[in-house]
């Protein structure tokens, strides 16, 4: 063990019930400090030669003590607006490392299952719980890596399959259990395995972290409807080989070998239930109680996630709308709504005005956007859903786009997919519509008018968060004319913007 640890606190020889109970009863109130102490004990478990039942007893107690602290820190990570990057990395690291280490410890407990000794016999009744927690913890590790858009190691799929197959051989794969004391729903080793498989199969890497979390809750809730079998049927969409280190794949890419560990799955009735849920939320505007995540999470956060799952659970996934062409050129860009308003405003003449421009290399282009390579990755704002103002080749009009795909290739390089929202953009100031002639003009909110839209239909605008109100009409002045806006639909929300649509009517010129 490292020299700076207190041997009285962390020495593996002191991992006994009384010492462990004393440690757990004296955990600090601060969630981060408490979880940090629990991680030291997990390190001690990792270094100790413990039999299966002893290891499980210690790890189980540490895991259960950690859960409320992990939830607290996860809420802080997901729901704190504009987290400072150093704090975001601090939270991400301790939660990701906790799930990674706890998964390893439960897997070590499972490794002792085949031994013919007294300890293994004592552990046997708890094996379904051990396997379910091992699978769930590795699934959480994968989810937190997805929050950082990293590449998921193929070895994870072999580890997940190993735990699942052990339960299948033991006849306990469908064993109903409560994952943690006080847990609100029952689960099983198979249920946890399917939760991870469906998360991977649902292409969650093009969602924002909060949306990934909401998708995970939806998948867990709908899991009883999923169909999983050793035989393919006409409705099967994906397959996985639980005995190999490969992720689940669509049947469009069929397995090369028909092995005994090959399994097939599809959403069953879950897709229908998603459509019903989508209609209920659209009608009521309220989040279901079973997925409610606090006051900061509105029903509008959930609807795009539901639409995403419905699309990706279909037999044929969403297809690329526009053909990509390989190119090599640079784009300069800035993030955020404020920067976008500055760059397209005629006051500044499209000049950077001292703002720190970034330069990315575009490697493909289509009618709908760009694919770019970001080297020397240092920006802390890049994430799915980030709004950009960009200029191809560093000249010409400024365009507005949104990051739709983000995949880390290495520690300092990433691939980014950008959807172009509009190639003609105007800065405006919207304000509540006044029905009183001659009334003083109220202060407005700066925003962007996406002028590629057909003016005879609904027109999109990018406005500060909270501007759109379905019961409030707006107005703005443009080229000496007043434009009246009737609200139509809320389309999308980002960290510093919302995209909304209105029906526009231009006032008659004054005579």
Protein backbone atom coordinates (compact mmCIF):
# COMPACT_ATOMS: atom_id res chain seq x y z
CA UNK A 1 0.00 0.00 0.00
CA UNK A 2 1.12 3.59 -0.51
CA UNK A 3 3.23 5.04 2.28
CA UNK A 4 0.94 7.98 2.95
CA UNK A 5 -2.01 5.85 4.06
CA UNK A 6 -2.68 5.36 7.74
CA UNK A 7 -2.08 1.65 8.41
CA UNK A 8 -4.40 1.74 11.40
CA UNK A 9 -7.22 2.76 9.09
CA UNK A 10 -6.57 0.83 5.89
CA UNK A 11 -4.39 -2.19 6.73
CA UNK A 12 -6.04 -5.30 5.21
CA UNK A 13 -5.49 -7.22 8.47
CA UNK A 14 -8.01 -4.88 10.09
CA UNK A 15 -10.81 -5.78 7.67
CA UNK A 16 -12.98 -7.41 10.31
CA UNK A 17 -16.62 -6.82 11.23
CA UNK A 18 -16.01 -4.58 14.23
CA UNK A 19 -13.40 -2.42 12.46
CA UNK A 20 -15.60 -2.17 9.36
CA UNK A 21 -18.65 -1.22 11.42
CA UNK A 22 -16.68 1.48 13.22
CA UNK A 23 -15.51 2.90 9.88
CA UNK A 24 -19.00 2.90 8.39
CA UNK A 25 -20.63 4.46 11.45
CA UNK A 26 -18.12 7.32 11.44
CA UNK A 27 -18.31 8.26 7.75
CA UNK A 28 -18.19 12.05 7.24
CA UNK A 29 -21.32 13.92 6.20
CA UNK A 30 -19.62 15.25 3.05
CA UNK A 31 -20.47 12.83 0.23
CA UNK A 32 -17.15 13.22 -1.57
CA UNK A 33 -15.05 12.64 1.57
CA UNK A 34 -17.17 9.63 2.56
CA UNK A 35 -16.85 8.05 -0.87
CA UNK A 36 -13.11 8.73 -0.89
CA UNK A 37 -12.78 6.81 2.38
CA UNK A 38 -14.82 3.92 1.00
CA UNK A 39 -12.49 3.81 -2.01
CA UNK A 40 -9.52 3.33 0.32
CA UNK A 41 -11.23 0.28 1.82
CA UNK A 42 -11.94 -1.10 -1.65
CA UNK A 43 -8.22 -0.71 -2.40
CA UNK A 44 -7.49 -2.69 0.74
CA UNK A 45 -9.89 -5.43 -0.39
CA UNK A 46 -8.15 -5.55 -3.73
CA UNK A 47 -4.79 -6.12 -2.08
CA UNK A 48 -6.00 -8.71 0.42
CA UNK A 49 -6.32 -12.46 0.03
CA UNK A 50 -9.92 -12.90 1.14
CA UNK A 51 -12.17 -15.89 0.58
CA UNK A 52 -15.41 -15.36 -1.34
CA UNK A 53 -17.85 -15.00 1.56
CA UNK A 54 -15.57 -12.66 3.53
CA UNK A 55 -14.91 -10.48 0.49
CA UNK A 56 -18.62 -10.32 -0.29
CA UNK A 57 -19.49 -9.30 3.26
CA UNK A 58 -17.02 -6.41 3.24
CA UNK A 59 -17.73 -5.26 -0.32
CA UNK A 60 -21.49 -5.48 0.18
CA UNK A 61 -21.33 -3.27 3.27
CA UNK A 62 -19.08 -0.73 1.55
CA UNK A 63 -21.27 -0.70 -1.55
CA UNK A 64 -24.48 -0.13 0.38
CA UNK A 65 -22.90 2.65 2.44
CA UNK A 66 -21.68 4.28 -0.78
CA UNK A 67 -24.99 4.34 -2.66
CA UNK A 68 -26.57 7.50 -1.16
CA UNK A 69 -23.22 9.31 -1.55
CA UNK A 70 -22.91 8.23 -5.18
CA UNK A 71 -26.46 9.42 -5.89
CA UNK A 72 -25.74 12.79 -4.29
CA UNK A 73 -22.58 13.33 -6.33
CA UNK A 74 -24.23 12.09 -9.53
CA UNK A 75 -27.08 14.58 -9.05
CA UNK A 76 -24.51 17.33 -8.60
CA UNK A 77 -22.69 16.24 -11.77
CA UNK A 78 -25.82 16.03 -13.92
CA UNK A 79 -27.89 18.93 -12.64
CA UNK A 80 -25.44 21.68 -11.71
CA UNK A 81 -25.55 24.20 -14.58
CA UNK A 82 -22.17 25.09 -16.09
CA UNK A 83 -19.96 23.05 -13.75
CA UNK A 84 -16.38 24.29 -13.64
CA UNK A 85 -14.31 21.78 -15.63
CA UNK A 86 -12.00 20.87 -12.74
CA UNK A 87 -15.02 20.13 -10.52
CA UNK A 88 -16.75 18.21 -13.32
CA UNK A 89 -13.64 16.02 -13.74
CA UNK A 90 -13.35 15.57 -9.97
CA UNK A 91 -16.93 14.30 -9.68
CA UNK A 92 -16.68 12.16 -12.81
CA UNK A 93 -13.44 10.52 -11.70
CA UNK A 94 -14.54 9.45 -8.22
CA UNK A 95 -17.92 8.11 -9.39
CA UNK A 96 -16.47 6.32 -12.43
CA UNK A 97 -13.66 4.84 -10.33
CA UNK A 98 -16.08 3.70 -7.63
CA UNK A 99 -18.24 1.76 -10.09
CA UNK A 100 -15.18 0.31 -11.81
CA UNK A 101 -13.67 -0.93 -8.54
CA UNK A 102 -16.89 -2.25 -7.05
CA UNK A 103 -17.54 -4.21 -10.26
CA UNK A 104 -14.08 -5.80 -10.00
CA UNK A 105 -14.69 -6.79 -6.37
CA UNK A 106 -18.01 -8.49 -7.11
CA UNK A 107 -16.41 -10.28 -10.05
CA UNK A 108 -13.71 -11.59 -7.72
CA UNK A 109 -16.47 -12.92 -5.48
CA UNK A 110 -17.99 -14.71 -8.48
CA UNK A 111 -14.59 -16.19 -9.38
CA UNK A 112 -14.66 -18.12 -6.12
CA UNK A 113 -18.03 -19.70 -6.93
CA UNK A 114 -16.62 -22.83 -8.49
CA UNK A 115 -14.32 -23.76 -5.62
CA UNK A 116 -15.21 -26.72 -3.45
CA UNK A 117 -14.73 -25.23 -0.04
CA UNK A 118 -16.86 -24.07 2.85
CA UNK A 119 -16.62 -20.40 1.85
CA UNK A 120 -17.99 -21.07 -1.63
CA UNK A 121 -20.90 -23.05 -0.22
CA UNK A 122 -21.72 -20.20 2.15
CA UNK A 123 -21.64 -17.71 -0.72
CA UNK A 124 -23.84 -19.78 -3.04
CA UNK A 125 -27.26 -18.41 -1.89
CA UNK A 126 -26.02 -14.87 -2.55
CA UNK A 127 -24.58 -15.52 -6.01
CA UNK A 128 -27.58 -14.04 -7.91
CA UNK A 129 -27.20 -10.79 -5.96
CA UNK A 130 -23.43 -10.79 -6.50
CA UNK A 131 -23.88 -11.31 -10.25
CA UNK A 132 -26.62 -8.68 -10.56
CA UNK A 133 -24.48 -6.12 -8.73
CA UNK A 134 -21.39 -7.03 -10.77
CA UNK A 135 -23.30 -6.55 -14.03
CA UNK A 136 -25.01 -3.36 -12.84
CA UNK A 137 -21.74 -1.85 -11.58
CA UNK A 138 -19.96 -2.53 -14.85
CA UNK A 139 -22.99 -1.09 -16.64
CA UNK A 140 -22.64 2.08 -14.55
CA UNK A 141 -18.94 2.20 -15.45
CA UNK A 142 -19.89 2.07 -19.14
CA UNK A 143 -22.54 4.76 -18.65
CA UNK A 144 -20.08 7.12 -16.96
CA UNK A 145 -17.56 6.54 -19.73
CA UNK A 146 -20.38 7.44 -22.14
CA UNK A 147 -20.81 10.75 -20.28
CA UNK A 148 -17.27 11.56 -21.45
CA UNK A 149 -17.91 10.04 -24.90
CA UNK A 150 -15.00 7.65 -24.56
CA UNK A 151 -14.50 4.38 -26.41
CA UNK A 152 -15.92 1.41 -24.47
CA UNK A 153 -13.28 -1.35 -24.10
CA UNK A 154 -14.38 -4.63 -25.71
CA UNK A 155 -13.16 -6.48 -22.62
CA UNK A 156 -16.16 -5.10 -20.72
CA UNK A 157 -18.52 -7.18 -22.86
CA UNK A 158 -16.64 -10.38 -22.08
CA UNK A 159 -16.82 -9.56 -18.35
CA UNK A 160 -20.54 -8.87 -18.52
CA UNK A 161 -21.14 -12.07 -20.47
CA UNK A 162 -19.10 -14.11 -17.99
CA UNK A 163 -21.30 -13.01 -15.06
CA UNK A 164 -24.48 -13.58 -17.05
CA UNK A 165 -23.44 -17.05 -18.28
CA UNK A 166 -22.51 -18.13 -14.75
CA UNK A 167 -26.04 -17.36 -13.61
CA UNK A 168 -27.47 -19.13 -16.63
CA UNK A 169 -25.52 -22.28 -15.77
CA UNK A 170 -26.58 -21.99 -12.13
CA UNK A 171 -30.23 -21.63 -13.17
CA UNK A 172 -30.48 -18.25 -11.41
CA UNK A 173 -30.49 -15.84 -14.34
CA UNK A 174 -34.12 -14.85 -13.65
CA UNK A 175 -33.81 -14.91 -9.86
CA UNK A 176 -35.92 -12.00 -8.55
CA UNK A 177 -34.15 -9.84 -5.98
CA UNK A 178 -33.86 -6.32 -4.59
CA UNK A 179 -30.60 -4.75 -5.70
CA UNK A 180 -30.21 -2.67 -2.54
CA UNK A 181 -32.12 -2.39 0.76
CA UNK A 182 -35.11 -0.13 0.25
CA UNK A 183 -34.86 -0.33 -3.57
CA UNK A 184 -38.16 0.48 -5.20
CA UNK A 185 -38.20 -2.25 -7.84
CA UNK A 186 -37.22 -5.87 -8.26
CA UNK A 187 -34.49 -6.95 -10.65
CA UNK A 188 -32.51 -10.03 -11.69
CA UNK A 189 -29.13 -10.83 -13.26
CA UNK A 190 -30.81 -11.02 -16.70
CA UNK A 191 -32.64 -7.73 -16.16
CA UNK A 192 -29.37 -5.97 -15.38
CA UNK A 193 -27.65 -7.58 -18.36
CA UNK A 194 -30.45 -6.46 -20.69
CA UNK A 195 -30.27 -2.93 -19.27
CA UNK A 196 -26.63 -2.67 -20.31
CA UNK A 197 -27.19 -4.33 -23.70
CA UNK A 198 -30.07 -2.01 -24.61
CA UNK A 199 -28.15 1.05 -23.50
CA UNK A 200 -25.33 0.10 -25.87
CA UNK A 201 -27.72 -0.85 -28.69
CA UNK A 202 -29.59 2.47 -28.42
CA UNK A 203 -26.72 4.70 -29.67
CA UNK A 204 -26.80 6.90 -26.57
CA UNK A 205 -23.47 8.49 -27.53
CA UNK A 206 -25.33 11.13 -29.55
CA UNK A 207 -27.22 12.32 -26.46
CA UNK A 208 -26.17 14.74 -23.74
CA UNK A 209 -25.18 13.27 -20.33
CA UNK A 210 -28.53 14.13 -18.72
CA UNK A 211 -30.33 12.57 -21.68
CA UNK A 212 -28.18 9.42 -21.35
CA UNK A 213 -29.21 9.23 -17.68
CA UNK A 214 -32.89 9.63 -18.57
CA UNK A 215 -32.58 6.97 -21.28
CA UNK A 216 -31.09 4.62 -18.70
CA UNK A 217 -34.13 5.15 -16.44
CA UNK A 218 -36.48 4.51 -19.36
CA UNK A 219 -34.64 1.33 -20.31
CA UNK A 220 -34.74 0.04 -16.73
CA UNK A 221 -38.48 0.75 -16.50
CA UNK A 222 -39.28 -0.93 -19.82
CA UNK A 223 -36.97 -3.92 -19.33
CA UNK A 224 -39.81 -6.41 -18.50
CA UNK A 225 -41.05 -6.01 -22.10
CA UNK A 226 -37.70 -6.87 -23.71
CA UNK A 227 -37.35 -10.21 -25.50
CA UNK A 228 -34.07 -12.14 -25.08
CA UNK A 229 -33.51 -15.61 -26.50
CA UNK A 230 -30.94 -18.10 -27.71
CA UNK A 231 -32.97 -18.37 -30.93
CA UNK A 232 -33.43 -15.66 -33.53
CA UNK A 233 -37.00 -14.85 -34.58
CA UNK A 234 -38.48 -12.53 -37.23
CA UNK A 235 -38.63 -9.67 -34.71
CA UNK A 236 -35.02 -9.95 -33.52
CA UNK A 237 -33.08 -6.71 -33.99
CA UNK A 238 -29.73 -7.29 -32.22
CA UNK A 239 -27.44 -10.11 -31.21
CA UNK A 240 -24.67 -10.53 -28.67
CA UNK A 241 -22.19 -13.33 -28.06
CA UNK A 242 -21.96 -13.48 -24.28
CA UNK A 243 -18.80 -15.55 -24.53
CA UNK A 244 -16.84 -13.04 -26.63
CA UNK A 245 -15.33 -9.58 -26.13
CA UNK A 246 -17.59 -7.82 -28.64
CA UNK A 247 -20.47 -5.36 -28.09
CA UNK A 248 -24.06 -6.12 -29.13
CA UNK A 249 -24.63 -5.59 -32.86
CA UNK A 250 -27.58 -5.27 -35.23
CA UNK A 251 -28.53 -8.32 -37.27
CA UNK A 252 -27.70 -6.27 -40.35
CA UNK A 253 -24.18 -7.35 -39.40
CA UNK A 254 -24.84 -11.05 -38.67
CA UNK A 255 -22.63 -13.18 -36.41
CA UNK A 256 -19.89 -15.11 -38.18
CA UNK A 257 -20.11 -18.14 -35.89
CA UNK A 258 -23.23 -19.78 -34.45
CA UNK A 259 -21.86 -20.40 -30.97
CA UNK A 260 -23.66 -21.76 -27.90
CA UNK A 261 -23.30 -18.36 -26.22
CA UNK A 262 -25.06 -16.41 -28.99
CA UNK A 263 -28.18 -14.52 -27.88
CA UNK A 264 -30.77 -12.45 -29.77
CA UNK A 265 -32.94 -9.63 -28.48
CA UNK A 266 -35.49 -6.97 -29.42
CA UNK A 267 -37.67 -4.41 -27.58
CA UNK A 268 -40.91 -6.40 -27.73
CA UNK A 269 -43.85 -4.26 -26.57
CA UNK A 270 -41.52 -1.60 -25.12
CA UNK A 271 -41.62 0.52 -28.25
CA UNK A 272 -45.42 0.70 -28.11
CA UNK A 273 -45.26 1.70 -24.44
CA UNK A 274 -42.77 4.43 -25.34
CA UNK A 275 -45.17 5.88 -27.92
CA UNK A 276 -47.99 5.91 -25.36
CA UNK A 277 -45.70 7.61 -22.83
CA UNK A 278 -44.70 10.19 -25.43
CA UNK A 279 -48.34 11.05 -26.05
CA UNK A 280 -49.11 11.28 -22.31
CA UNK A 281 -46.19 13.63 -21.62
CA UNK A 282 -46.96 15.79 -24.67
CA UNK A 283 -50.55 16.13 -23.49
CA UNK A 284 -49.92 16.70 -19.77
CA UNK A 285 -46.50 18.36 -19.87
CA UNK A 286 -45.58 16.44 -16.71
CA UNK A 287 -42.78 13.99 -15.94
CA UNK A 288 -43.87 10.52 -14.72
CA UNK A 289 -43.30 10.01 -10.99
CA UNK A 290 -41.16 6.93 -11.57
CA UNK A 291 -38.58 8.92 -13.55
CA UNK A 292 -38.81 12.29 -11.79
CA UNK A 293 -35.27 13.61 -11.25
CA UNK A 294 -35.88 16.77 -9.27
CA UNK A 295 -37.14 20.24 -10.01
CA UNK A 296 -34.43 20.95 -12.59
CA UNK A 297 -35.57 18.14 -14.88
CA UNK A 298 -38.66 19.02 -16.93
CA UNK A 299 -40.81 16.85 -19.17
CA UNK A 300 -39.26 18.67 -22.14
CA UNK A 301 -35.95 16.99 -21.25
CA UNK A 302 -37.56 13.57 -21.63
CA UNK A 303 -39.43 13.91 -24.93
CA UNK A 304 -36.34 14.01 -27.20
CA UNK A 305 -34.96 10.97 -25.37
CA UNK A 306 -38.18 9.04 -25.99
CA UNK A 307 -38.10 10.02 -29.67
CA UNK A 308 -34.48 8.87 -29.86
CA UNK A 309 -35.24 5.44 -28.36
CA UNK A 310 -38.28 4.92 -30.58
CA UNK A 311 -36.14 5.63 -33.65
CA UNK A 312 -33.21 3.42 -32.65
CA UNK A 313 -35.36 0.52 -31.48
CA UNK A 314 -36.97 0.25 -34.90
CA UNK A 315 -36.00 -2.73 -37.12
CA UNK A 316 -34.27 -0.24 -39.43
CA UNK A 317 -32.32 2.49 -37.58
CA UNK A 318 -32.34 6.16 -38.67
CA UNK A 319 -30.54 6.55 -41.95
CA UNK A 320 -28.20 9.38 -42.88
CA UNK A 321 -30.28 11.92 -44.80
CA UNK A 322 -27.44 13.45 -46.80
CA UNK A 323 -24.52 11.87 -48.60
CA UNK A 324 -21.11 12.67 -47.08
CA UNK A 325 -18.19 13.86 -49.16
CA UNK A 326 -14.56 13.61 -48.07
CA UNK A 327 -12.86 16.99 -47.83
CA UNK A 328 -9.96 18.59 -45.97
CA UNK A 329 -10.29 22.18 -44.87
CA UNK A 330 -10.37 24.26 -41.72
CA UNK A 331 -13.27 25.89 -39.95
CA UNK A 332 -13.00 28.58 -37.30
CA UNK A 333 -15.63 28.66 -34.60
CA UNK A 334 -16.80 29.90 -31.23
CA UNK A 335 -19.17 28.24 -28.75
CA UNK A 336 -22.38 29.53 -27.24
CA UNK A 337 -25.35 31.73 -27.99
CA UNK A 338 -23.72 34.96 -26.84
CA UNK A 339 -20.76 34.49 -29.17
CA UNK A 340 -23.09 33.55 -32.03
CA UNK A 341 -25.12 36.74 -31.58
CA UNK A 342 -21.93 38.82 -31.57
CA UNK A 343 -20.52 37.20 -34.69
CA UNK A 344 -23.64 37.59 -36.85
CA UNK A 345 -24.54 41.06 -35.57
CA UNK A 346 -23.96 43.85 -38.13
CA UNK A 347 -22.58 46.00 -35.31
CA UNK A 348 -19.40 43.93 -35.31
CA UNK A 349 -19.22 43.32 -39.04
CA UNK A 350 -18.55 39.61 -38.59
CA UNK A 351 -15.21 40.25 -36.94
CA UNK A 352 -14.01 38.25 -33.95
CA UNK A 353 -13.51 41.39 -31.83
CA UNK A 354 -10.73 39.74 -29.85
CA UNK A 355 -12.71 36.57 -29.10
CA UNK A 356 -10.62 33.35 -28.90
CA UNK A 357 -11.42 31.55 -32.15
CA UNK A 358 -10.82 27.79 -32.37
CA UNK A 359 -9.76 26.00 -35.55
CA UNK A 360 -10.88 22.44 -36.40
CA UNK A 361 -10.12 20.24 -39.39
CA UNK A 362 -13.18 19.20 -41.41
CA UNK A 363 -12.79 15.72 -42.93
CA UNK A 364 -16.27 15.27 -44.41
CA UNK A 365 -19.17 17.49 -45.37
CA UNK A 366 -22.80 16.94 -46.37
CA UNK A 367 -25.81 19.11 -47.00
CA UNK A 368 -26.71 18.76 -43.33
CA UNK A 369 -23.39 19.49 -41.68
CA UNK A 370 -19.75 18.60 -41.07
CA UNK A 371 -17.56 15.95 -39.56
CA UNK A 372 -14.46 17.38 -37.91
CA UNK A 373 -11.30 16.28 -36.11
CA UNK A 374 -10.32 18.20 -32.98
CA UNK A 375 -6.64 17.87 -32.08
CA UNK A 376 -4.94 19.11 -28.92
CA UNK A 377 -8.27 18.71 -27.14
CA UNK A 378 -8.32 21.33 -24.40
CA UNK A 379 -11.72 23.02 -24.67
CA UNK A 380 -13.98 22.21 -21.73
CA UNK A 381 -17.20 23.21 -23.52
CA UNK A 382 -17.30 20.51 -26.21
CA UNK A 383 -20.23 18.18 -25.64
CA UNK A 384 -23.26 16.87 -27.49
CA UNK A 385 -25.78 19.71 -27.76
CA UNK A 386 -23.23 22.55 -27.70
CA UNK A 387 -24.20 25.50 -29.91
CA UNK A 388 -21.55 26.76 -32.35
CA UNK A 389 -21.10 29.73 -34.64
CA UNK A 390 -18.67 28.72 -37.39
CA UNK A 391 -17.07 29.95 -40.56
CA UNK A 392 -15.81 27.44 -43.17
CA UNK A 393 -12.35 28.34 -44.38
CA UNK A 394 -12.26 31.33 -42.04
CA UNK A 395 -14.16 33.57 -44.46
CA UNK A 396 -17.66 34.30 -45.72
CA UNK A 397 -20.90 34.02 -43.76
CA UNK A 398 -21.06 32.79 -40.18
CA UNK A 399 -23.19 29.64 -39.84
CA UNK A 400 -24.89 28.27 -36.76
CA UNK A 401 -24.71 24.59 -35.81
CA UNK A 402 -25.03 22.11 -32.94
CA UNK A 403 -22.68 19.29 -31.91
CA UNK A 404 -24.61 16.05 -32.54
CA UNK A 405 -21.82 13.48 -32.19
CA UNK A 406 -18.75 13.56 -29.99
CA UNK A 407 -16.33 10.64 -29.68
CA UNK A 408 -13.01 10.81 -27.89
CA UNK A 409 -10.33 9.00 -29.90
CA UNK A 410 -7.57 9.58 -27.36
CA UNK A 411 -6.81 11.84 -24.44
CA UNK A 412 -6.25 14.86 -26.69
CA UNK A 413 -8.13 14.08 -29.92
CA UNK A 414 -11.81 13.68 -30.77
CA UNK A 415 -14.21 13.28 -33.68
CA UNK A 416 -17.11 15.74 -33.76
CA UNK A 417 -20.26 15.71 -35.88
CA UNK A 418 -21.92 19.10 -36.40
CA UNK A 419 -25.44 19.67 -37.73
CA UNK A 420 -25.79 22.97 -39.57
CA UNK A 421 -28.98 24.66 -38.35
CA UNK A 422 -28.90 27.55 -40.81
CA UNK A 423 -26.56 29.15 -43.32
CA UNK A 424 -28.34 32.52 -43.09
CA UNK A 425 -28.68 33.91 -39.58
CA UNK A 426 -29.73 37.31 -38.25
CA UNK A 427 -29.40 38.70 -34.74
CA UNK A 428 -32.64 40.11 -33.30
CA UNK A 429 -34.12 41.35 -30.02
CA UNK A 430 -37.46 39.75 -29.19
CA UNK A 431 -39.87 41.21 -26.65
CA UNK A 432 -43.40 40.48 -25.43
CA UNK A 433 -45.94 41.72 -27.94
CA UNK A 434 -47.69 44.92 -26.97
CA UNK A 435 -51.36 45.33 -27.88
CA UNK A 436 -51.42 48.99 -26.88
CA UNK A 437 -50.61 51.41 -29.71
CA UNK A 438 -47.97 53.93 -28.74
CA UNK A 439 -46.98 52.01 -25.60
CA UNK A 440 -43.28 52.24 -24.70
CA UNK A 441 -41.17 49.42 -26.12
CA UNK A 442 -40.16 46.95 -23.41
CA UNK A 443 -36.59 45.65 -23.23
CA UNK A 444 -36.01 42.57 -25.33
CA UNK A 445 -33.98 39.37 -25.24
CA UNK A 446 -31.23 38.89 -27.83
CA UNK A 447 -31.57 35.90 -30.09
CA UNK A 448 -30.99 34.45 -33.55
CA UNK A 449 -33.40 34.15 -36.46
CA UNK A 450 -32.67 31.10 -38.64
CA UNK A 451 -33.49 32.52 -42.04
CA UNK A 452 -33.22 29.35 -44.11
CA UNK A 453 -36.79 28.47 -43.10
CA UNK A 454 -39.69 29.05 -45.50
CA UNK A 455 -41.23 32.38 -44.37
CA UNK A 456 -44.68 31.06 -45.29
CA UNK A 457 -44.43 28.37 -42.62
CA UNK A 458 -43.09 28.03 -39.09
CA UNK A 459 -39.88 29.94 -38.45
CA UNK A 460 -37.19 28.82 -36.01
CA UNK A 461 -35.39 31.02 -33.53
CA UNK A 462 -32.57 30.40 -31.05
CA UNK A 463 -33.31 32.26 -27.83
CA UNK A 464 -32.01 32.37 -24.24
CA UNK A 465 -33.37 29.58 -21.98
CA UNK A 466 -36.83 30.26 -20.61
CA UNK A 467 -37.84 32.76 -23.29
CA UNK A 468 -40.43 30.56 -24.99
CA UNK A 469 -43.90 30.59 -23.47
CA UNK A 470 -46.66 28.79 -25.40
CA UNK A 471 -49.16 31.39 -24.16
CA UNK A 472 -47.14 34.51 -25.01
CA UNK A 473 -46.70 36.19 -28.39
CA UNK A 474 -43.50 38.08 -29.16
CA UNK A 475 -42.38 40.76 -31.56
CA UNK A 476 -39.18 42.23 -32.95
CA UNK A 477 -38.07 44.91 -35.38
CA UNK A 478 -36.26 44.04 -38.61
CA UNK A 479 -35.33 46.34 -41.49
CA UNK A 480 -37.67 49.02 -40.20
CA UNK A 481 -40.69 46.69 -39.96
CA UNK A 482 -42.28 45.12 -36.90
CA UNK A 483 -42.63 41.33 -36.96
CA UNK A 484 -45.27 39.66 -34.77
CA UNK A 485 -44.62 36.09 -33.57
CA UNK A 486 -47.25 33.54 -32.51
CA UNK A 487 -45.76 30.59 -30.54
CA UNK A 488 -45.93 27.21 -32.26
CA UNK A 489 -43.58 24.67 -30.70
CA UNK A 490 -40.64 24.19 -28.35
CA UNK A 491 -38.05 22.19 -30.31
CA UNK A 492 -34.85 21.75 -28.32
CA UNK A 493 -32.96 22.96 -25.25
CA UNK A 494 -29.21 23.29 -24.71
CA UNK A 495 -27.21 24.54 -21.77
CA UNK A 496 -27.40 28.19 -22.87
CA UNK A 497 -30.14 28.27 -25.50
CA UNK A 498 -33.48 26.94 -26.68
CA UNK A 499 -34.64 26.38 -30.25
CA UNK A 500 -38.29 27.25 -30.80
CA UNK A 501 -40.67 27.88 -33.69
CA UNK A 502 -43.17 30.69 -34.25
CA UNK A 503 -45.58 31.73 -36.96
CA UNK A 504 -44.58 35.22 -38.19
CA UNK A 505 -46.63 38.12 -39.49
CA UNK A 506 -45.03 41.33 -40.74
CA UNK A 507 -46.86 44.49 -39.75
CA UNK A 508 -47.98 46.82 -42.50
CA UNK A 509 -45.68 49.78 -43.05
CA UNK A 510 -46.67 53.03 -41.42
CA UNK A 511 -48.23 55.53 -43.82
